[in-house]
Amino acid sequence: MPPKSSNSSYSKEEQQFLKNIGFKIQFLRKQRGISQSELAESTGLSDTTISHLESTSAYGISMIALYRIAKALDVDPSQILTFK
């Protein structure tokens, strides 16, 4: 199932969950000094996808994309899903 790109198809809680994932990816990427383009290249995802994930809108992410991003950032995928 492809990611949903319309915020209206998600509940408020789901939107916040997706935004938190994006914020966490952005935080970890910046912490490692990696650009969005570098992350896109190392994951096989497009620059646009990385940009959408890190934006303030809710953008769905597949489990494979999450796994690729986590590996590129050298973290366990669960770390991206942990918001403390």
C-alpha atoms as a PDB file:
ATOM      1  CA  MET A   1       0.000   0.000   0.000  1.00  0.00           C
ATOM      2  CA  PRO A   2       1.573   3.322  -1.040  1.00  0.00           C
ATOM      3  CA  PRO A   3       1.967   6.101   1.511  1.00  0.00           C
ATOM      4  CA  LYS A   4      -0.920   8.511   1.808  1.00  0.00           C
ATOM      5  CA  SER A   5       0.045  12.065   1.001  1.00  0.00           C
ATOM      6  CA  SER A   6      -3.156  13.831   2.002  1.00  0.00           C
ATOM      7  CA  ASN A   7      -3.313  14.980   5.613  1.00  0.00           C
ATOM      8  CA  SER A   8      -7.111  14.663   5.578  1.00  0.00           C
ATOM      9  CA  SER A   9      -6.878  10.882   5.235  1.00  0.00           C
ATOM     10  CA  TYR A  10      -5.165  10.618   8.621  1.00  0.00           C
ATOM     11  CA  SER A  11      -6.587  11.251  12.070  1.00  0.00           C
ATOM     12  CA  LYS A  12      -5.016  14.064  14.102  1.00  0.00           C
ATOM     13  CA  GLU A  13      -3.166  11.474  16.187  1.00  0.00           C
ATOM     14  CA  GLU A  14      -1.840   9.711  13.075  1.00  0.00           C
ATOM     15  CA  GLN A  15      -0.766  13.035  11.597  1.00  0.00           C
ATOM     16  CA  GLN A  16       1.208  13.867  14.742  1.00  0.00           C
ATOM     17  CA  PHE A  17       2.808  10.406  14.746  1.00  0.00           C
ATOM     18  CA  LEU A  18       3.981  10.861  11.143  1.00  0.00           C
ATOM     19  CA  LYS A  19       5.248  14.382  11.859  1.00  0.00           C
ATOM     20  CA  ASN A  20       7.218  13.050  14.843  1.00  0.00           C
ATOM     21  CA  ILE A  21       8.861  10.434  12.624  1.00  0.00           C
ATOM     22  CA  GLY A  22       9.846  13.163  10.171  1.00  0.00           C
ATOM     23  CA  PHE A  23      11.211  15.388  12.931  1.00  0.00           C
ATOM     24  CA  LYS A  24      13.220  12.471  14.326  1.00  0.00           C
ATOM     25  CA  ILE A  25      14.687  11.657  10.905  1.00  0.00           C
ATOM     26  CA  GLN A  26      15.626  15.303  10.433  1.00  0.00           C
ATOM     27  CA  PHE A  27      17.190  15.488  13.909  1.00  0.00           C
ATOM     28  CA  LEU A  28      19.271  12.346  13.387  1.00  0.00           C
ATOM     29  CA  ARG A  29      20.302  13.409   9.877  1.00  0.00           C
ATOM     30  CA  LYS A  30      21.456  16.853  11.027  1.00  0.00           C
ATOM     31  CA  GLN A  31      23.190  15.333  14.058  1.00  0.00           C
ATOM     32  CA  ARG A  32      25.291  13.282  11.629  1.00  0.00           C
ATOM     33  CA  GLY A  33      25.956  16.199   9.274  1.00  0.00           C
ATOM     34  CA  ILE A  34      24.220  14.549   6.329  1.00  0.00           C
ATOM     35  CA  SER A  35      22.270  16.549   3.745  1.00  0.00           C
ATOM     36  CA  GLN A  36      18.842  15.500   2.528  1.00  0.00           C
ATOM     37  CA  SER A  37      20.386  14.671  -0.854  1.00  0.00           C
ATOM     38  CA  GLU A  38      23.042  12.477   0.745  1.00  0.00           C
ATOM     39  CA  LEU A  39      20.407  10.643   2.772  1.00  0.00           C
ATOM     40  CA  ALA A  40      18.267  10.181  -0.330  1.00  0.00           C
ATOM     41  CA  GLU A  41      21.211   8.813  -2.287  1.00  0.00           C
ATOM     42  CA  SER A  42      22.251   6.365   0.439  1.00  0.00           C
ATOM     43  CA  THR A  43      18.689   5.046   0.834  1.00  0.00           C
ATOM     44  CA  GLY A  44      17.599   4.895  -2.788  1.00  0.00           C
ATOM     45  CA  LEU A  45      14.750   7.287  -1.981  1.00  0.00           C
ATOM     46  CA  SER A  46      14.197  10.535  -3.835  1.00  0.00           C
ATOM     47  CA  ASP A  47      15.239  13.948  -2.525  1.00  0.00           C
ATOM     48  CA  THR A  48      11.544  14.855  -2.677  1.00  0.00           C
ATOM     49  CA  THR A  49      10.580  11.925  -0.448  1.00  0.00           C
ATOM     50  CA  ILE A  50      13.147  12.882   2.193  1.00  0.00           C
ATOM     51  CA  SER A  51      11.985  16.501   2.008  1.00  0.00           C
ATOM     52  CA  HIS A  52       8.322  15.462   2.404  1.00  0.00           C
ATOM     53  CA  LEU A  53       9.144  13.197   5.342  1.00  0.00           C
ATOM     54  CA  GLU A  54      10.921  16.030   7.142  1.00  0.00           C
ATOM     55  CA  SER A  55       8.278  18.652   6.365  1.00  0.00           C
ATOM     56  CA  THR A  56       5.664  19.861   8.813  1.00  0.00           C
ATOM     57  CA  SER A  57       2.949  17.917   6.989  1.00  0.00           C
ATOM     58  CA  ALA A  58       2.122  14.286   7.722  1.00  0.00           C
ATOM     59  CA  TYR A  59       3.717  12.079   5.075  1.00  0.00           C
ATOM     60  CA  GLY A  60       3.326   8.311   5.163  1.00  0.00           C
ATOM     61  CA  ILE A  61       6.426   6.127   5.169  1.00  0.00           C
ATOM     62  CA  SER A  62       6.778   2.471   4.276  1.00  0.00           C
ATOM     63  CA  MET A  63       8.505   0.044   6.615  1.00  0.00           C
ATOM     64  CA  ILE A  64      11.213  -0.550   3.994  1.00  0.00           C
ATOM     65  CA  ALA A  65      11.863   3.193   3.672  1.00  0.00           C
ATOM     66  CA  LEU A  66      12.050   3.460   7.465  1.00  0.00           C
ATOM     67  CA  TYR A  67      14.512   0.552   7.545  1.00  0.00           C
ATOM     68  CA  ARG A  68      16.699   2.083   4.796  1.00  0.00           C
ATOM     69  CA  ILE A  69      16.754   5.477   6.528  1.00  0.00           C
ATOM     70  CA  ALA A  70      17.635   3.920   9.880  1.00  0.00           C
ATOM     71  CA  LYS A  71      20.508   1.934   8.331  1.00  0.00           C
ATOM     72  CA  ALA A  72      21.783   5.037   6.508  1.00  0.00           C
ATOM     73  CA  LEU A  73      21.717   6.948   9.808  1.00  0.00           C
ATOM     74  CA  ASP A  74      23.324   3.999  11.633  1.00  0.00           C
ATOM     75  CA  VAL A  75      20.482   3.586  14.126  1.00  0.00           C
ATOM     76  CA  ASP A  76      18.026   0.836  14.929  1.00  0.00           C
ATOM     77  CA  PRO A  77      14.677   1.494  13.199  1.00  0.00           C
ATOM     78  CA  SER A  78      12.972   1.533  16.602  1.00  0.00           C
ATOM     79  CA  GLN A  79      15.012   4.620  17.510  1.00  0.00           C
ATOM     80  CA  ILE A  80      13.202   6.590  14.793  1.00  0.00           C
ATOM     81  CA  LEU A  81       9.879   5.530  16.304  1.00  0.00           C
ATOM     82  CA  THR A  82      10.816   6.511  19.864  1.00  0.00           C
ATOM     83  CA  PHE A  83       9.840  10.043  20.906  1.00  0.00           C
ATOM     84  CA  LYS A  84      11.166  10.941  24.357  1.00  0.00           C
END
